[in-house]
Amino acid sequence: MTSANLVKACEENEISEGDIVEIKINGLDIILMRNGEQFFAAQAICPHMDEKLCNGLFKKTKLICTKHLWQWDLETGKPLGAAEKPIQIYKTTVKEGVVYVSVDN
């Protein structure tokens, strides 16, 4: 991950533990989640029925769409259980209290 593709998403303290926040970065709709000191970023729309994933749930490293309970691993984007399609995962990094998301231009 190079600094050329790191985009500021928010201040670290703007996202509480367990929150799913929808943001827009470089025209992409992305959700940002926090599990302790770890941050995850993923595409904002479920690939199954176009449901907003900010309305979903996440636990540790698992994201769940509440519409039909599709689930994904937040570290890889790979589907879990009944889910048939992966989701796009974006790498995150925290520097000096700021959360950055790595996106391809």
PDB file of N, CA and C in Angstrom:
ATOM      1  N   MET A   1       0.854  -1.161   0.000  1.00  0.00           N
ATOM      2  CA  MET A   1       0.000   0.000   0.000  1.00  0.00           C
ATOM      3  C   MET A   1       0.902   1.227   0.000  1.00  0.00           C
ATOM      4  N   THR A   2       0.760   2.064  -0.983  1.00  0.00           N
ATOM      5  CA  THR A   2       1.566   3.270  -1.053  1.00  0.00           C
ATOM      6  C   THR A   2       0.760   4.455  -0.574  1.00  0.00           C
ATOM      7  N   SER A   3       1.455   5.511  -0.161  1.00  0.00           N
ATOM      8  CA  SER A   3       0.751   6.696   0.320  1.00  0.00           C
ATOM      9  C   SER A   3      -0.016   7.380  -0.793  1.00  0.00           C
ATOM     10  N   ALA A   4       0.329   7.076  -2.061  1.00  0.00           N
ATOM     11  CA  ALA A   4      -0.362   7.696  -3.195  1.00  0.00           C
ATOM     12  C   ALA A   4      -1.827   7.288  -3.258  1.00  0.00           C
ATOM     13  N   ASN A   5      -2.172   6.087  -2.770  1.00  0.00           N
ATOM     14  CA  ASN A   5      -3.563   5.664  -2.835  1.00  0.00           C
ATOM     15  C   ASN A   5      -4.261   5.655  -1.479  1.00  0.00           C
ATOM     16  N   LEU A   6      -3.652   6.254  -0.468  1.00  0.00           N
ATOM     17  CA  LEU A   6      -4.291   6.384   0.838  1.00  0.00           C
ATOM     18  C   LEU A   6      -5.134   7.652   0.855  1.00  0.00           C
ATOM     19  N   VAL A   7      -6.404   7.499   1.216  1.00  0.00           N
ATOM     20  CA  VAL A   7      -7.317   8.634   1.263  1.00  0.00           C
ATOM     21  C   VAL A   7      -7.865   8.746   2.681  1.00  0.00           C
ATOM     22  N   LYS A   8      -7.866   9.952   3.225  1.00  0.00           N
ATOM     23  CA  LYS A   8      -8.394  10.163   4.572  1.00  0.00           C
ATOM     24  C   LYS A   8      -9.884   9.849   4.590  1.00  0.00           C
ATOM     25  N   ALA A   9     -10.280   8.985   5.525  1.00  0.00           N
ATOM     26  CA  ALA A   9     -11.686   8.616   5.672  1.00  0.00           C
ATOM     27  C   ALA A   9     -12.346   9.409   6.794  1.00  0.00           C
ATOM     28  N   CYS A  10     -11.662   9.491   7.947  1.00  0.00           N
ATOM     29  CA  CYS A  10     -12.226  10.191   9.106  1.00  0.00           C
ATOM     30  C   CYS A  10     -11.191  10.224  10.225  1.00  0.00           C
ATOM     31  N   GLU A  11     -11.537  10.913  11.280  1.00  0.00           N
ATOM     32  CA  GLU A  11     -10.740  10.869  12.500  1.00  0.00           C
ATOM     33  C   GLU A  11     -11.081   9.563  13.224  1.00  0.00           C
ATOM     34  N   GLU A  12     -10.098   8.979  13.848  1.00  0.00           N
ATOM     35  CA  GLU A  12     -10.279   7.700  14.539  1.00  0.00           C
ATOM     36  C   GLU A  12     -11.420   7.755  15.560  1.00  0.00           C
ATOM     37  N   ASN A  13     -11.546   8.868  16.281  1.00  0.00           N
ATOM     38  CA  ASN A  13     -12.560   8.981  17.333  1.00  0.00           C
ATOM     39  C   ASN A  13     -13.965   9.260  16.801  1.00  0.00           C
ATOM     40  N   GLU A  14     -14.129   9.389  15.485  1.00  0.00           N
ATOM     41  CA  GLU A  14     -15.452   9.621  14.904  1.00  0.00           C
ATOM     42  C   GLU A  14     -16.258   8.334  14.746  1.00  0.00           C
ATOM     43  N   ILE A  15     -15.598   7.189  14.872  1.00  0.00           N
ATOM     44  CA  ILE A  15     -16.291   5.907  14.734  1.00  0.00           C
ATOM     45  C   ILE A  15     -16.189   5.147  16.048  1.00  0.00           C
ATOM     46  N   SER A  16     -17.342   4.826  16.613  1.00  0.00           N
ATOM     47  CA  SER A  16     -17.391   4.085  17.868  1.00  0.00           C
ATOM     48  C   SER A  16     -17.319   2.590  17.608  1.00  0.00           C
ATOM     49  N   GLU A  17     -16.931   1.870  18.619  1.00  0.00           N
ATOM     50  CA  GLU A  17     -16.882   0.412  18.571  1.00  0.00           C
ATOM     51  C   GLU A  17     -18.227  -0.132  18.095  1.00  0.00           C
ATOM     52  N   GLY A  18     -18.198  -1.002  17.089  1.00  0.00           N
ATOM     53  CA  GLY A  18     -19.410  -1.641  16.600  1.00  0.00           C
ATOM     54  C   GLY A  18     -20.203  -0.860  15.571  1.00  0.00           C
ATOM     55  N   ASP A  19     -19.819   0.384  15.306  1.00  0.00           N
ATOM     56  CA  ASP A  19     -20.544   1.198  14.320  1.00  0.00           C
ATOM     57  C   ASP A  19     -20.231   0.763  12.893  1.00  0.00           C
ATOM     58  N   ILE A  20     -21.204   0.965  12.010  1.00  0.00           N
ATOM     59  CA  ILE A  20     -21.005   0.842  10.566  1.00  0.00           C
ATOM     60  C   ILE A  20     -21.387   2.193   9.985  1.00  0.00           C
ATOM     61  N   VAL A  21     -20.415   2.868   9.391  1.00  0.00           N
ATOM     62  CA  VAL A  21     -20.621   4.217   8.869  1.00  0.00           C
ATOM     63  C   VAL A  21     -20.412   4.204   7.362  1.00  0.00           C
ATOM     64  N   GLU A  22     -21.350   4.799   6.627  1.00  0.00           N
ATOM     65  CA  GLU A  22     -21.203   4.884   5.172  1.00  0.00           C
ATOM     66  C   GLU A  22     -20.518   6.194   4.817  1.00  0.00           C
ATOM     67  N   ILE A  23     -19.497   6.103   3.963  1.00  0.00           N
ATOM     68  CA  ILE A  23     -18.755   7.275   3.513  1.00  0.00           C
ATOM     69  C   ILE A  23     -18.563   7.184   2.002  1.00  0.00           C
ATOM     70  N   LYS A  24     -18.179   8.285   1.411  1.00  0.00           N
ATOM     71  CA  LYS A  24     -17.875   8.302  -0.022  1.00  0.00           C
ATOM     72  C   LYS A  24     -16.419   8.724  -0.166  1.00  0.00           C
ATOM     73  N   ILE A  25     -15.633   7.916  -0.890  1.00  0.00           N
ATOM     74  CA  ILE A  25     -14.226   8.213  -1.146  1.00  0.00           C
ATOM     75  C   ILE A  25     -13.979   8.078  -2.638  1.00  0.00           C
ATOM     76  N   ASN A  26     -13.503   9.140  -3.236  1.00  0.00           N
ATOM     77  CA  ASN A  26     -13.212   9.131  -4.681  1.00  0.00           C
ATOM     78  C   ASN A  26     -14.380   8.581  -5.502  1.00  0.00           C
ATOM     79  N   GLY A  27     -15.599   8.942  -5.115  1.00  0.00           N
ATOM     80  CA  GLY A  27     -16.784   8.503  -5.840  1.00  0.00           C
ATOM     81  C   GLY A  27     -17.269   7.108  -5.486  1.00  0.00           C
ATOM     82  N   LEU A  28     -16.569   6.420  -4.582  1.00  0.00           N
ATOM     83  CA  LEU A  28     -16.952   5.068  -4.173  1.00  0.00           C
ATOM     84  C   LEU A  28     -17.753   5.120  -2.879  1.00  0.00           C
ATOM     85  N   ASP A  29     -18.854   4.372  -2.824  1.00  0.00           N
ATOM     86  CA  ASP A  29     -19.618   4.227  -1.587  1.00  0.00           C
ATOM     87  C   ASP A  29     -18.985   3.099  -0.787  1.00  0.00           C
ATOM     88  N   ILE A  30     -18.517   3.442   0.411  1.00  0.00           N
ATOM     89  CA  ILE A  30     -17.751   2.517   1.249  1.00  0.00           C
ATOM     90  C   ILE A  30     -18.333   2.542   2.655  1.00  0.00           C
ATOM     91  N   ILE A  31     -18.313   1.386   3.324  1.00  0.00           N
ATOM     92  CA  ILE A  31     -18.656   1.364   4.742  1.00  0.00           C
ATOM     93  C   ILE A  31     -17.373   1.182   5.543  1.00  0.00           C
ATOM     94  N   LEU A  32     -17.351   1.834   6.693  1.00  0.00           N
ATOM     95  CA  LEU A  32     -16.206   1.785   7.591  1.00  0.00           C
ATOM     96  C   LEU A  32     -16.699   1.250   8.924  1.00  0.00           C
ATOM     97  N   MET A  33     -15.965   0.297   9.500  1.00  0.00           N
ATOM     98  CA  MET A  33     -16.349  -0.334  10.753  1.00  0.00           C
ATOM     99  C   MET A  33     -15.170  -0.380  11.707  1.00  0.00           C
ATOM    100  N   ARG A  34     -15.492  -0.426  12.994  1.00  0.00           N
ATOM    101  CA  ARG A  34     -14.438  -0.467  14.007  1.00  0.00           C
ATOM    102  C   ARG A  34     -14.656  -1.631  14.959  1.00  0.00           C
ATOM    103  N   ASN A  35     -13.589  -2.399  15.167  1.00  0.00           N
ATOM    104  CA  ASN A  35     -13.559  -3.467  16.158  1.00  0.00           C
ATOM    105  C   ASN A  35     -12.324  -3.230  17.011  1.00  0.00           C
ATOM    106  N   GLY A  36     -12.495  -2.581  18.144  1.00  0.00           N
ATOM    107  CA  GLY A  36     -11.359  -2.200  18.980  1.00  0.00           C
ATOM    108  C   GLY A  36     -10.493  -1.193  18.257  1.00  0.00           C
ATOM    109  N   GLU A  37      -9.231  -1.504  18.094  1.00  0.00           N
ATOM    110  CA  GLU A  37      -8.307  -0.620  17.379  1.00  0.00           C
ATOM    111  C   GLU A  37      -8.219  -0.961  15.897  1.00  0.00           C
ATOM    112  N   GLN A  38      -8.965  -1.968  15.476  1.00  0.00           N
ATOM    113  CA  GLN A  38      -8.930  -2.415  14.082  1.00  0.00           C
ATOM    114  C   GLN A  38     -10.093  -1.793  13.306  1.00  0.00           C
ATOM    115  N   PHE A  39      -9.785  -1.284  12.108  1.00  0.00           N
ATOM    116  CA  PHE A  39     -10.796  -0.698  11.234  1.00  0.00           C
ATOM    117  C   PHE A  39     -10.904  -1.529   9.968  1.00  0.00           C
ATOM    118  N   PHE A  40     -12.128  -1.650   9.466  1.00  0.00           N
ATOM    119  CA  PHE A  40     -12.395  -2.369   8.226  1.00  0.00           C
ATOM    120  C   PHE A  40     -13.131  -1.442   7.276  1.00  0.00           C
ATOM    121  N   ALA A  41     -12.877  -1.598   5.988  1.00  0.00           N
ATOM    122  CA  ALA A  41     -13.599  -0.844   4.964  1.00  0.00           C
ATOM    123  C   ALA A  41     -14.028  -1.822   3.876  1.00  0.00           C
ATOM    124  N   ALA A  42     -15.263  -1.657   3.402  1.00  0.00           N
ATOM    125  CA  ALA A  42     -15.805  -2.560   2.385  1.00  0.00           C
ATOM    126  C   ALA A  42     -16.785  -1.805   1.501  1.00  0.00           C
ATOM    127  N   GLN A  43     -17.142  -2.438   0.379  1.00  0.00           N
ATOM    128  CA  GLN A  43     -18.159  -1.843  -0.486  1.00  0.00           C
ATOM    129  C   GLN A  43     -19.434  -1.664   0.327  1.00  0.00           C
ATOM    130  N   ALA A  44     -20.230  -0.660  -0.015  1.00  0.00           N
ATOM    131  CA  ALA A  44     -21.389  -0.294   0.793  1.00  0.00           C
ATOM    132  C   ALA A  44     -22.680  -1.016   0.415  1.00  0.00           C
ATOM    133  N   ILE A  45     -22.691  -1.706  -0.719  1.00  0.00           N
ATOM    134  CA  ILE A  45     -23.922  -2.325  -1.211  1.00  0.00           C
ATOM    135  C   ILE A  45     -23.763  -3.843  -1.304  1.00  0.00           C
ATOM    136  N   CYS A  46     -24.756  -4.565  -0.806  1.00  0.00           N
ATOM    137  CA  CYS A  46     -24.757  -6.025  -0.885  1.00  0.00           C
ATOM    138  C   CYS A  46     -24.858  -6.463  -2.344  1.00  0.00           C
ATOM    139  N   PRO A  47     -24.009  -7.408  -2.780  1.00  0.00           N
ATOM    140  CA  PRO A  47     -24.048  -7.858  -4.168  1.00  0.00           C
ATOM    141  C   PRO A  47     -25.252  -8.755  -4.489  1.00  0.00           C
ATOM    142  N   HIS A  48     -26.016  -9.113  -3.486  1.00  0.00           N
ATOM    143  CA  HIS A  48     -27.161 -10.001  -3.686  1.00  0.00           C
ATOM    144  C   HIS A  48     -28.405  -9.229  -4.119  1.00  0.00           C
ATOM    145  N   MET A  49     -28.870  -8.297  -3.285  1.00  0.00           N
ATOM    146  CA  MET A  49     -30.119  -7.577  -3.569  1.00  0.00           C
ATOM    147  C   MET A  49     -29.955  -6.065  -3.430  1.00  0.00           C
ATOM    148  N   ASP A  50     -28.726  -5.573  -3.567  1.00  0.00           N
ATOM    149  CA  ASP A  50     -28.433  -4.135  -3.514  1.00  0.00           C
ATOM    150  C   ASP A  50     -28.861  -3.462  -2.211  1.00  0.00           C
ATOM    151  N   GLU A  51     -28.879  -4.199  -1.131  1.00  0.00           N
ATOM    152  CA  GLU A  51     -29.196  -3.640   0.183  1.00  0.00           C
ATOM    153  C   GLU A  51     -28.002  -2.840   0.693  1.00  0.00           C
ATOM    154  N   LYS A  52     -28.274  -1.735   1.401  1.00  0.00           N
ATOM    155  CA  LYS A  52     -27.191  -0.946   1.998  1.00  0.00           C
ATOM    156  C   LYS A  52     -26.599  -1.728   3.172  1.00  0.00           C
ATOM    157  N   LEU A  53     -25.312  -1.987   3.108  1.00  0.00           N
ATOM    158  CA  LEU A  53     -24.666  -2.761   4.165  1.00  0.00           C
ATOM    159  C   LEU A  53     -24.455  -1.956   5.444  1.00  0.00           C
ATOM    160  N   CYS A  54     -24.638  -0.642   5.393  1.00  0.00           N
ATOM    161  CA  CYS A  54     -24.555   0.145   6.628  1.00  0.00           C
ATOM    162  C   CYS A  54     -25.720  -0.199   7.558  1.00  0.00           C
ATOM    163  N   ASN A  55     -26.766  -0.843   7.024  1.00  0.00           N
ATOM    164  CA  ASN A  55     -27.896  -1.305   7.836  1.00  0.00           C
ATOM    165  C   ASN A  55     -27.663  -2.707   8.382  1.00  0.00           C
ATOM    166  N   GLY A  56     -26.505  -3.281   8.065  1.00  0.00           N
ATOM    167  CA  GLY A  56     -26.194  -4.637   8.484  1.00  0.00           C
ATOM    168  C   GLY A  56     -25.611  -4.696   9.886  1.00  0.00           C
ATOM    169  N   LEU A  57     -25.001  -5.813  10.170  1.00  0.00           N
ATOM    170  CA  LEU A  57     -24.363  -6.057  11.462  1.00  0.00           C
ATOM    171  C   LEU A  57     -22.941  -6.520  11.211  1.00  0.00           C
ATOM    172  N   PHE A  58     -22.079  -6.274  12.192  1.00  0.00           N
ATOM    173  CA  PHE A  58     -20.774  -6.915  12.098  1.00  0.00           C
ATOM    174  C   PHE A  58     -20.305  -7.317  13.471  1.00  0.00           C
ATOM    175  N   LYS A  59     -19.587  -8.432  13.491  1.00  0.00           N
ATOM    176  CA  LYS A  59     -19.074  -8.982  14.740  1.00  0.00           C
ATOM    177  C   LYS A  59     -17.652  -9.437  14.480  1.00  0.00           C
ATOM    178  N   LYS A  60     -16.715  -8.808  15.153  1.00  0.00           N
ATOM    179  CA  LYS A  60     -15.286  -9.081  15.006  1.00  0.00           C
ATOM    180  C   LYS A  60     -14.847  -8.892  13.565  1.00  0.00           C
ATOM    181  N   THR A  61     -14.757  -9.965  12.782  1.00  0.00           N
ATOM    182  CA  THR A  61     -14.311  -9.833  11.388  1.00  0.00           C
ATOM    183  C   THR A  61     -15.366 -10.345  10.411  1.00  0.00           C
ATOM    184  N   LYS A  62     -16.626 -10.364  10.838  1.00  0.00           N
ATOM    185  CA  LYS A  62     -17.711 -10.857   9.990  1.00  0.00           C
ATOM    186  C   LYS A  62     -18.748  -9.754   9.774  1.00  0.00           C
ATOM    187  N   LEU A  63     -19.124  -9.540   8.504  1.00  0.00           N
ATOM    188  CA  LEU A  63     -20.174  -8.591   8.138  1.00  0.00           C
ATOM    189  C   LEU A  63     -21.403  -9.384   7.722  1.00  0.00           C
ATOM    190  N   ILE A  64     -22.575  -8.945   8.189  1.00  0.00           N
ATOM    191  CA  ILE A  64     -23.825  -9.639   7.888  1.00  0.00           C
ATOM    192  C   ILE A  64     -24.818  -8.659   7.284  1.00  0.00           C
ATOM    193  N   CYS A  65     -25.342  -8.985   6.118  1.00  0.00           N
ATOM    194  CA  CYS A  65     -26.432  -8.221   5.516  1.00  0.00           C
ATOM    195  C   CYS A  65     -27.720  -8.732   6.149  1.00  0.00           C
ATOM    196  N   THR A  66     -28.504  -7.841   6.727  1.00  0.00           N
ATOM    197  CA  THR A  66     -29.698  -8.278   7.447  1.00  0.00           C
ATOM    198  C   THR A  66     -30.878  -8.612   6.535  1.00  0.00           C
ATOM    199  N   LYS A  67     -30.784  -8.292   5.251  1.00  0.00           N
ATOM    200  CA  LYS A  67     -31.908  -8.591   4.342  1.00  0.00           C
ATOM    201  C   LYS A  67     -32.092 -10.100   4.154  1.00  0.00           C
ATOM    202  N   HIS A  68     -31.019 -10.823   3.803  1.00  0.00           N
ATOM    203  CA  HIS A  68     -31.110 -12.271   3.611  1.00  0.00           C
ATOM    204  C   HIS A  68     -29.996 -13.022   4.340  1.00  0.00           C
ATOM    205  N   LEU A  69     -29.337 -12.332   5.260  1.00  0.00           N
ATOM    206  CA  LEU A  69     -28.315 -12.918   6.134  1.00  0.00           C
ATOM    207  C   LEU A  69     -27.066 -13.410   5.412  1.00  0.00           C
ATOM    208  N   TRP A  70     -26.769 -12.829   4.256  1.00  0.00           N
ATOM    209  CA  TRP A  70     -25.487 -13.126   3.615  1.00  0.00           C
ATOM    210  C   TRP A  70     -24.383 -12.607   4.526  1.00  0.00           C
ATOM    211  N   GLN A  71     -23.244 -13.323   4.562  1.00  0.00           N
ATOM    212  CA  GLN A  71     -22.138 -12.971   5.448  1.00  0.00           C
ATOM    213  C   GLN A  71     -20.814 -13.013   4.698  1.00  0.00           C
ATOM    214  N   TRP A  72     -19.879 -12.142   5.163  1.00  0.00           N
ATOM    215  CA  TRP A  72     -18.550 -12.089   4.547  1.00  0.00           C
ATOM    216  C   TRP A  72     -17.474 -11.932   5.604  1.00  0.00           C
ATOM    217  N   ASP A  73     -16.294 -12.413   5.271  1.00  0.00           N
ATOM    218  CA  ASP A  73     -15.095 -12.201   6.070  1.00  0.00           C
ATOM    219  C   ASP A  73     -14.565 -10.810   5.735  1.00  0.00           C
ATOM    220  N   LEU A  74     -14.445  -9.943   6.732  1.00  0.00           N
ATOM    221  CA  LEU A  74     -14.010  -8.563   6.496  1.00  0.00           C
ATOM    222  C   LEU A  74     -12.523  -8.433   6.206  1.00  0.00           C
ATOM    223  N   GLU A  75     -11.758  -9.474   6.424  1.00  0.00           N
ATOM    224  CA  GLU A  75     -10.335  -9.414   6.101  1.00  0.00           C
ATOM    225  C   GLU A  75     -10.068  -9.800   4.650  1.00  0.00           C
ATOM    226  N   THR A  76     -10.937 -10.643   4.082  1.00  0.00           N
ATOM    227  CA  THR A  76     -10.705 -11.130   2.717  1.00  0.00           C
ATOM    228  C   THR A  76     -11.807 -10.767   1.729  1.00  0.00           C
ATOM    229  N   GLY A  77     -13.012 -10.499   2.236  1.00  0.00           N
ATOM    230  CA  GLY A  77     -14.162 -10.256   1.369  1.00  0.00           C
ATOM    231  C   GLY A  77     -14.833 -11.535   0.908  1.00  0.00           C
ATOM    232  N   LYS A  78     -14.278 -12.679   1.294  1.00  0.00           N
ATOM    233  CA  LYS A  78     -14.834 -13.964   0.861  1.00  0.00           C
ATOM    234  C   LYS A  78     -16.184 -14.221   1.527  1.00  0.00           C
ATOM    235  N   PRO A  79     -17.108 -14.835   0.758  1.00  0.00           N
ATOM    236  CA  PRO A  79     -18.422 -15.145   1.315  1.00  0.00           C
ATOM    237  C   PRO A  79     -18.347 -16.255   2.357  1.00  0.00           C
ATOM    238  N   LEU A  80     -19.234 -16.166   3.334  1.00  0.00           N
ATOM    239  CA  LEU A  80     -19.362 -17.179   4.377  1.00  0.00           C
ATOM    240  C   LEU A  80     -20.796 -17.697   4.343  1.00  0.00           C
ATOM    241  N   GLY A  81     -20.999 -18.933   4.689  1.00  0.00           N
ATOM    242  CA  GLY A  81     -22.353 -19.478   4.739  1.00  0.00           C
ATOM    243  C   GLY A  81     -23.041 -19.444   3.387  1.00  0.00           C
ATOM    244  N   ALA A  82     -24.260 -18.902   3.353  1.00  0.00           N
ATOM    245  CA  ALA A  82     -25.101 -18.909   2.150  1.00  0.00           C
ATOM    246  C   ALA A  82     -24.674 -17.905   1.081  1.00  0.00           C
ATOM    247  N   ALA A  83     -23.871 -16.930   1.446  1.00  0.00           N
ATOM    248  CA  ALA A  83     -23.469 -15.898   0.475  1.00  0.00           C
ATOM    249  C   ALA A  83     -22.754 -16.544  -0.708  1.00  0.00           C
ATOM    250  N   GLU A  84     -23.070 -16.066  -1.902  1.00  0.00           N
ATOM    251  CA  GLU A  84     -22.504 -16.653  -3.113  1.00  0.00           C
ATOM    252  C   GLU A  84     -21.491 -15.756  -3.808  1.00  0.00           C
ATOM    253  N   LYS A  85     -21.439 -14.480  -3.431  1.00  0.00           N
ATOM    254  CA  LYS A  85     -20.543 -13.536  -4.097  1.00  0.00           C
ATOM    255  C   LYS A  85     -19.677 -12.832  -3.058  1.00  0.00           C
ATOM    256  N   PRO A  86     -18.420 -12.553  -3.390  1.00  0.00           N
ATOM    257  CA  PRO A  86     -17.550 -11.809  -2.470  1.00  0.00           C
ATOM    258  C   PRO A  86     -17.899 -10.322  -2.474  1.00  0.00           C
ATOM    259  N   ILE A  87     -17.336  -9.596  -1.527  1.00  0.00           N
ATOM    260  CA  ILE A  87     -17.446  -8.137  -1.519  1.00  0.00           C
ATOM    261  C   ILE A  87     -16.047  -7.538  -1.607  1.00  0.00           C
ATOM    262  N   GLN A  88     -15.990  -6.313  -2.083  1.00  0.00           N
ATOM    263  CA  GLN A  88     -14.721  -5.588  -2.190  1.00  0.00           C
ATOM    264  C   GLN A  88     -14.299  -5.105  -0.808  1.00  0.00           C
ATOM    265  N   ILE A  89     -13.081  -5.424  -0.429  1.00  0.00           N
ATOM    266  CA  ILE A  89     -12.499  -4.970   0.833  1.00  0.00           C
ATOM    267  C   ILE A  89     -11.407  -3.964   0.509  1.00  0.00           C
ATOM    268  N   TYR A  90     -11.344  -2.898   1.290  1.00  0.00           N
ATOM    269  CA  TYR A  90     -10.313  -1.873   1.132  1.00  0.00           C
ATOM    270  C   TYR A  90      -9.436  -1.892   2.375  1.00  0.00           C
ATOM    271  N   LYS A  91      -8.133  -1.862   2.189  1.00  0.00           N
ATOM    272  CA  LYS A  91      -7.204  -1.844   3.321  1.00  0.00           C
ATOM    273  C   LYS A  91      -7.325  -0.513   4.057  1.00  0.00           C
ATOM    274  N   THR A  92      -7.179  -0.581   5.375  1.00  0.00           N
ATOM    275  CA  THR A  92      -7.210   0.629   6.198  1.00  0.00           C
ATOM    276  C   THR A  92      -5.913   0.742   6.981  1.00  0.00           C
ATOM    277  N   THR A  93      -5.589   1.951   7.348  1.00  0.00           N
ATOM    278  CA  THR A  93      -4.448   2.204   8.220  1.00  0.00           C
ATOM    279  C   THR A  93      -4.772   3.428   9.062  1.00  0.00           C
ATOM    280  N   VAL A  94      -4.226   3.465  10.266  1.00  0.00           N
ATOM    281  CA  VAL A  94      -4.430   4.603  11.159  1.00  0.00           C
ATOM    282  C   VAL A  94      -3.082   5.250  11.412  1.00  0.00           C
ATOM    283  N   LYS A  95      -3.011   6.552  11.165  1.00  0.00           N
ATOM    284  CA  LYS A  95      -1.792   7.320  11.415  1.00  0.00           C
ATOM    285  C   LYS A  95      -2.163   8.575  12.173  1.00  0.00           C
ATOM    286  N   GLU A  96      -1.578   8.738  13.348  1.00  0.00           N
ATOM    287  CA  GLU A  96      -1.771   9.931  14.165  1.00  0.00           C
ATOM    288  C   GLU A  96      -3.247  10.265  14.359  1.00  0.00           C
ATOM    289  N   GLY A  97      -4.054   9.232  14.646  1.00  0.00           N
ATOM    290  CA  GLY A  97      -5.465   9.434  14.941  1.00  0.00           C
ATOM    291  C   GLY A  97      -6.373   9.609  13.740  1.00  0.00           C
ATOM    292  N   VAL A  98      -5.832   9.417  12.540  1.00  0.00           N
ATOM    293  CA  VAL A  98      -6.622   9.550  11.315  1.00  0.00           C
ATOM    294  C   VAL A  98      -6.712   8.185  10.634  1.00  0.00           C
ATOM    295  N   VAL A  99      -7.930   7.820  10.205  1.00  0.00           N
ATOM    296  CA  VAL A  99      -8.150   6.563   9.491  1.00  0.00           C
ATOM    297  C   VAL A  99      -8.057   6.840   7.995  1.00  0.00           C
ATOM    298  N   TYR A 100      -7.209   6.070   7.323  1.00  0.00           N
ATOM    299  CA  TYR A 100      -7.046   6.173   5.873  1.00  0.00           C
ATOM    300  C   TYR A 100      -7.518   4.880   5.224  1.00  0.00           C
ATOM    301  N   VAL A 101      -8.083   5.007   4.032  1.00  0.00           N
ATOM    302  CA  VAL A 101      -8.516   3.854   3.252  1.00  0.00           C
ATOM    303  C   VAL A 101      -7.707   3.835   1.967  1.00  0.00           C
ATOM    304  N   SER A 102      -7.243   2.660   1.587  1.00  0.00           N
ATOM    305  CA  SER A 102      -6.475   2.497   0.359  1.00  0.00           C
ATOM    306  C   SER A 102      -7.431   2.184  -0.789  1.00  0.00           C
ATOM    307  N   VAL A 103      -7.492   3.087  -1.755  1.00  0.00           N
ATOM    308  CA  VAL A 103      -8.347   2.880  -2.931  1.00  0.00           C
ATOM    309  C   VAL A 103      -7.509   3.041  -4.187  1.00  0.00           C
ATOM    310  N   ASP A 104      -7.833   2.264  -5.201  1.00  0.00           N
ATOM    311  CA  ASP A 104      -7.150   2.395  -6.487  1.00  0.00           C
ATOM    312  C   ASP A 104      -7.770   3.543  -7.252  1.00  0.00           C
ATOM    313  N   ASN A 105      -6.929   4.338  -7.863  1.00  0.00           N
ATOM    314  CA  ASN A 105      -7.429   5.481  -8.641  1.00  0.00           C
ATOM    315  C   ASN A 105      -7.862   5.043 -10.013  1.00  0.00           C
TER     316      ASN A 105
END
